[in-house]
Amino acid sequence: MKHVLRSLLIACVFFPATAQTVAAGPIERACLSSPRQGANWRLCGCIQRVADQTLTHADQRMAAKFFSDPHRAQEVRQSSNIRHEEFWTRYKEFGATAAAACS
């Protein structure tokens, strides 16, 4: 399950919201749009709830972009920009918390 969650967080494809996901947050929309096995309302909703607790809305928007451009995650992770470093610390906490809470 951790592998599925990690895949959803890093390598999913982000598509515009459908009528069913209009009220969903950016992470949940990206998760639900994922072609990965295991992407469902329960899991994606859980991941979004963790994102709401651990990431700012701006962080969530940045993380959602990783779903359509996984290479961007690598660039941010390796960046020497202090804002990126701070974001990555929060993002890692989010990932660990989501893996624990949503598996």
N, C-alpha and C. Protein backbone atom coordinates (compact mmCIF):
# COMPACT_ATOMS: atom_id res chain seq x y z
N MET A 1 0.82 -1.19 0.00
CA MET A 1 0.00 0.00 0.00
C MET A 1 0.87 1.25 0.00
N LYS A 2 2.00 1.22 0.72
CA LYS A 2 2.88 2.39 0.74
C LYS A 2 3.39 2.69 -0.66
N HIS A 3 3.66 1.62 -1.45
CA HIS A 3 4.13 1.82 -2.81
C HIS A 3 3.06 2.52 -3.65
N VAL A 4 1.81 2.10 -3.48
CA VAL A 4 0.71 2.72 -4.21
C VAL A 4 0.58 4.18 -3.81
N LEU A 5 0.63 4.44 -2.50
CA LEU A 5 0.51 5.81 -2.02
C LEU A 5 1.64 6.67 -2.54
N ARG A 6 2.86 6.19 -2.47
CA ARG A 6 4.00 6.95 -2.98
C ARG A 6 3.84 7.22 -4.47
N SER A 7 3.40 6.21 -5.20
CA SER A 7 3.17 6.39 -6.63
C SER A 7 2.11 7.45 -6.90
N LEU A 8 1.04 7.42 -6.09
CA LEU A 8 -0.02 8.41 -6.25
C LEU A 8 0.50 9.81 -5.95
N LEU A 9 1.34 9.94 -4.96
CA LEU A 9 1.84 11.25 -4.56
C LEU A 9 2.84 11.82 -5.55
N ILE A 10 3.64 10.97 -6.16
CA ILE A 10 4.73 11.45 -7.01
C ILE A 10 4.43 11.35 -8.50
N ALA A 11 3.82 10.25 -8.94
CA ALA A 11 3.79 9.98 -10.37
C ALA A 11 2.40 9.97 -11.00
N CYS A 12 1.42 10.52 -10.35
CA CYS A 12 0.07 10.55 -10.92
C CYS A 12 -0.06 11.68 -11.94
N VAL A 13 -1.08 11.57 -12.71
CA VAL A 13 -1.36 12.60 -13.70
C VAL A 13 -2.49 13.48 -13.18
N PHE A 14 -2.31 14.79 -13.24
CA PHE A 14 -3.31 15.74 -12.75
C PHE A 14 -4.16 16.21 -13.93
N PHE A 15 -5.46 15.98 -13.83
CA PHE A 15 -6.40 16.43 -14.85
C PHE A 15 -7.35 17.44 -14.22
N PRO A 16 -7.99 18.31 -15.01
CA PRO A 16 -8.97 19.25 -14.45
C PRO A 16 -10.07 18.50 -13.71
N ALA A 17 -10.63 19.17 -12.74
CA ALA A 17 -11.67 18.56 -11.90
C ALA A 17 -12.90 18.21 -12.74
N THR A 18 -13.52 17.10 -12.39
CA THR A 18 -14.79 16.73 -12.99
C THR A 18 -15.89 17.21 -12.06
N ALA A 19 -17.11 17.04 -12.47
CA ALA A 19 -18.24 17.47 -11.64
C ALA A 19 -18.19 16.80 -10.27
N GLN A 20 -17.71 15.56 -10.20
CA GLN A 20 -17.66 14.85 -8.93
C GLN A 20 -16.57 15.37 -8.01
N THR A 21 -15.54 16.01 -8.54
CA THR A 21 -14.40 16.40 -7.72
C THR A 21 -14.27 17.91 -7.55
N VAL A 22 -15.31 18.66 -7.90
CA VAL A 22 -15.23 20.11 -7.81
C VAL A 22 -14.92 20.57 -6.39
N ALA A 23 -15.51 19.94 -5.39
CA ALA A 23 -15.29 20.36 -4.00
C ALA A 23 -14.01 19.78 -3.42
N ALA A 24 -13.37 18.90 -4.12
CA ALA A 24 -12.15 18.26 -3.62
C ALA A 24 -10.99 19.24 -3.68
N GLY A 25 -10.00 19.01 -2.81
CA GLY A 25 -8.79 19.81 -2.83
C GLY A 25 -7.88 19.39 -3.97
N PRO A 26 -6.80 20.12 -4.19
CA PRO A 26 -5.92 19.83 -5.32
C PRO A 26 -5.26 18.46 -5.25
N ILE A 27 -4.91 17.99 -4.07
CA ILE A 27 -4.29 16.68 -3.94
C ILE A 27 -5.32 15.59 -4.24
N GLU A 28 -6.51 15.74 -3.71
CA GLU A 28 -7.56 14.74 -3.94
C GLU A 28 -7.91 14.67 -5.42
N ARG A 29 -8.02 15.80 -6.09
CA ARG A 29 -8.33 15.80 -7.53
C ARG A 29 -7.24 15.08 -8.30
N ALA A 30 -5.98 15.37 -7.97
CA ALA A 30 -4.87 14.72 -8.67
C ALA A 30 -4.90 13.21 -8.41
N CYS A 31 -5.17 12.83 -7.18
CA CYS A 31 -5.24 11.42 -6.82
C CYS A 31 -6.37 10.72 -7.58
N LEU A 32 -7.56 11.30 -7.57
CA LEU A 32 -8.70 10.69 -8.24
C LEU A 32 -8.52 10.61 -9.74
N SER A 33 -7.75 11.51 -10.30
CA SER A 33 -7.50 11.51 -11.74
C SER A 33 -6.43 10.51 -12.14
N SER A 34 -5.81 9.93 -11.16
CA SER A 34 -4.72 9.01 -11.41
C SER A 34 -5.19 7.71 -12.05
N PRO A 35 -4.42 7.20 -13.01
CA PRO A 35 -4.76 5.90 -13.59
C PRO A 35 -4.24 4.74 -12.72
N ARG A 36 -3.61 5.04 -11.62
CA ARG A 36 -3.02 4.00 -10.77
C ARG A 36 -4.09 3.17 -10.07
N GLN A 37 -3.80 1.90 -9.90
CA GLN A 37 -4.69 1.04 -9.12
C GLN A 37 -4.72 1.55 -7.69
N GLY A 38 -5.83 1.44 -7.07
CA GLY A 38 -5.94 1.86 -5.68
C GLY A 38 -6.42 3.27 -5.50
N ALA A 39 -6.48 4.07 -6.56
CA ALA A 39 -6.98 5.44 -6.45
C ALA A 39 -8.50 5.38 -6.34
N ASN A 40 -9.01 5.69 -5.16
CA ASN A 40 -10.46 5.67 -4.94
C ASN A 40 -10.82 6.81 -3.99
N TRP A 41 -12.12 7.02 -3.83
CA TRP A 41 -12.60 8.15 -3.02
C TRP A 41 -12.07 8.07 -1.59
N ARG A 42 -12.09 6.86 -1.01
CA ARG A 42 -11.66 6.71 0.38
C ARG A 42 -10.18 7.07 0.54
N LEU A 43 -9.33 6.49 -0.28
CA LEU A 43 -7.89 6.75 -0.19
C LEU A 43 -7.57 8.20 -0.52
N CYS A 44 -8.12 8.69 -1.62
CA CYS A 44 -7.81 10.06 -2.05
C CYS A 44 -8.34 11.09 -1.06
N GLY A 45 -9.51 10.81 -0.48
CA GLY A 45 -10.05 11.71 0.54
C GLY A 45 -9.17 11.73 1.78
N CYS A 46 -8.66 10.58 2.16
CA CYS A 46 -7.76 10.50 3.31
C CYS A 46 -6.48 11.29 3.04
N ILE A 47 -5.91 11.11 1.86
CA ILE A 47 -4.69 11.83 1.52
C ILE A 47 -4.94 13.34 1.54
N GLN A 48 -6.09 13.77 1.04
CA GLN A 48 -6.41 15.21 1.06
C GLN A 48 -6.55 15.71 2.49
N ARG A 49 -7.18 14.93 3.35
CA ARG A 49 -7.33 15.36 4.76
C ARG A 49 -5.96 15.53 5.41
N VAL A 50 -5.03 14.63 5.13
CA VAL A 50 -3.67 14.77 5.66
C VAL A 50 -3.02 16.01 5.06
N ALA A 51 -3.21 16.24 3.78
CA ALA A 51 -2.65 17.44 3.13
C ALA A 51 -3.20 18.70 3.79
N ASP A 52 -4.49 18.70 4.10
CA ASP A 52 -5.10 19.86 4.75
C ASP A 52 -4.48 20.13 6.12
N GLN A 53 -4.03 19.07 6.79
CA GLN A 53 -3.43 19.21 8.12
C GLN A 53 -1.95 19.56 8.08
N THR A 54 -1.26 19.20 7.00
CA THR A 54 0.20 19.33 7.00
C THR A 54 0.75 20.30 5.96
N LEU A 55 -0.04 20.64 4.95
CA LEU A 55 0.45 21.51 3.88
C LEU A 55 -0.43 22.75 3.75
N THR A 56 0.18 23.86 3.41
CA THR A 56 -0.59 25.05 3.10
C THR A 56 -1.29 24.82 1.76
N HIS A 57 -2.24 25.69 1.44
CA HIS A 57 -2.91 25.56 0.14
C HIS A 57 -1.89 25.75 -1.00
N ALA A 58 -0.97 26.67 -0.82
CA ALA A 58 0.07 26.87 -1.84
C ALA A 58 0.93 25.62 -1.98
N ASP A 59 1.27 24.98 -0.86
CA ASP A 59 2.02 23.72 -0.90
C ASP A 59 1.24 22.66 -1.67
N GLN A 60 -0.06 22.59 -1.41
CA GLN A 60 -0.89 21.60 -2.09
C GLN A 60 -0.91 21.83 -3.60
N ARG A 61 -1.00 23.08 -3.99
CA ARG A 61 -1.00 23.38 -5.43
C ARG A 61 0.33 22.98 -6.06
N MET A 62 1.44 23.24 -5.35
CA MET A 62 2.75 22.85 -5.89
C MET A 62 2.85 21.33 -5.98
N ALA A 63 2.43 20.64 -4.93
CA ALA A 63 2.50 19.18 -4.92
C ALA A 63 1.62 18.59 -6.01
N ALA A 64 0.46 19.17 -6.26
CA ALA A 64 -0.43 18.65 -7.30
C ALA A 64 0.23 18.74 -8.67
N LYS A 65 1.08 19.73 -8.87
CA LYS A 65 1.77 19.85 -10.15
C LYS A 65 2.73 18.69 -10.38
N PHE A 66 3.22 18.08 -9.31
CA PHE A 66 4.12 16.93 -9.45
C PHE A 66 3.43 15.77 -10.13
N PHE A 67 2.12 15.70 -9.99
CA PHE A 67 1.37 14.59 -10.58
C PHE A 67 1.44 14.64 -12.10
N SER A 68 1.46 15.82 -12.67
CA SER A 68 1.54 15.93 -14.13
C SER A 68 2.98 16.10 -14.60
N ASP A 69 3.87 16.46 -13.70
CA ASP A 69 5.28 16.66 -14.07
C ASP A 69 6.17 16.11 -12.95
N PRO A 70 6.33 14.78 -12.87
CA PRO A 70 7.12 14.18 -11.79
C PRO A 70 8.55 14.70 -11.73
N HIS A 71 9.09 15.08 -12.86
CA HIS A 71 10.46 15.62 -12.86
C HIS A 71 10.54 16.91 -12.05
N ARG A 72 9.46 17.65 -12.00
CA ARG A 72 9.43 18.89 -11.21
C ARG A 72 9.67 18.59 -9.73
N ALA A 73 9.16 17.48 -9.26
CA ALA A 73 9.39 17.08 -7.86
C ALA A 73 10.88 16.91 -7.60
N GLN A 74 11.56 16.27 -8.53
CA GLN A 74 13.02 16.07 -8.40
C GLN A 74 13.74 17.41 -8.40
N GLU A 75 13.31 18.32 -9.26
CA GLU A 75 13.95 19.65 -9.32
C GLU A 75 13.76 20.40 -8.00
N VAL A 76 12.56 20.35 -7.46
CA VAL A 76 12.29 21.04 -6.20
C VAL A 76 13.09 20.40 -5.08
N ARG A 77 13.12 19.08 -5.04
CA ARG A 77 13.85 18.36 -4.00
C ARG A 77 15.33 18.71 -4.00
N GLN A 78 15.91 18.88 -5.17
CA GLN A 78 17.34 19.15 -5.29
C GLN A 78 17.67 20.64 -5.30
N SER A 79 16.67 21.48 -5.28
CA SER A 79 16.87 22.92 -5.35
C SER A 79 17.58 23.45 -4.11
N SER A 80 18.38 24.48 -4.30
CA SER A 80 19.02 25.14 -3.16
C SER A 80 18.21 26.36 -2.71
N ASN A 81 17.07 26.59 -3.33
CA ASN A 81 16.17 27.67 -2.94
C ASN A 81 15.59 27.35 -1.56
N ILE A 82 15.72 28.25 -0.63
CA ILE A 82 15.28 28.01 0.75
C ILE A 82 13.79 27.70 0.82
N ARG A 83 12.98 28.36 -0.01
CA ARG A 83 11.54 28.07 -0.01
C ARG A 83 11.26 26.64 -0.45
N HIS A 84 12.03 26.17 -1.44
CA HIS A 84 11.87 24.79 -1.89
C HIS A 84 12.32 23.82 -0.81
N GLU A 85 13.40 24.14 -0.13
CA GLU A 85 13.89 23.28 0.95
C GLU A 85 12.85 23.18 2.07
N GLU A 86 12.26 24.30 2.43
CA GLU A 86 11.24 24.32 3.48
C GLU A 86 10.00 23.55 3.03
N PHE A 87 9.59 23.76 1.77
CA PHE A 87 8.45 23.02 1.23
C PHE A 87 8.74 21.53 1.28
N TRP A 88 9.94 21.12 0.86
CA TRP A 88 10.24 19.69 0.77
C TRP A 88 10.20 19.04 2.15
N THR A 89 10.61 19.77 3.17
CA THR A 89 10.51 19.25 4.54
C THR A 89 9.05 18.99 4.89
N ARG A 90 8.17 19.93 4.58
CA ARG A 90 6.74 19.75 4.84
C ARG A 90 6.16 18.63 3.98
N TYR A 91 6.60 18.55 2.73
CA TYR A 91 6.09 17.55 1.81
C TYR A 91 6.47 16.14 2.27
N LYS A 92 7.70 15.97 2.76
CA LYS A 92 8.12 14.66 3.28
C LYS A 92 7.29 14.28 4.49
N GLU A 93 7.02 15.23 5.37
CA GLU A 93 6.17 14.96 6.54
C GLU A 93 4.77 14.55 6.09
N PHE A 94 4.25 15.28 5.10
CA PHE A 94 2.95 14.94 4.54
C PHE A 94 2.94 13.51 4.01
N GLY A 95 3.93 13.15 3.23
CA GLY A 95 4.00 11.81 2.65
C GLY A 95 4.05 10.72 3.71
N ALA A 96 4.88 10.93 4.73
CA ALA A 96 5.01 9.94 5.81
C ALA A 96 3.70 9.84 6.59
N THR A 97 3.08 10.98 6.88
CA THR A 97 1.83 10.97 7.63
C THR A 97 0.72 10.31 6.81
N ALA A 98 0.64 10.64 5.54
CA ALA A 98 -0.38 10.06 4.67
C ALA A 98 -0.19 8.53 4.55
N ALA A 99 1.06 8.11 4.42
CA ALA A 99 1.33 6.66 4.33
C ALA A 99 0.87 5.94 5.58
N ALA A 100 1.11 6.55 6.74
CA ALA A 100 0.72 5.94 8.01
C ALA A 100 -0.80 5.97 8.20
N ALA A 101 -1.43 7.08 7.87
CA ALA A 101 -2.85 7.28 8.15
C ALA A 101 -3.76 6.62 7.11
N CYS A 102 -3.30 6.51 5.89
CA CYS A 102 -4.19 6.13 4.80
C CYS A 102 -3.96 4.72 4.26
N SER A 103 -3.00 4.00 4.82
CA SER A 103 -2.75 2.65 4.29
C SER A 103 -3.63 1.61 4.91
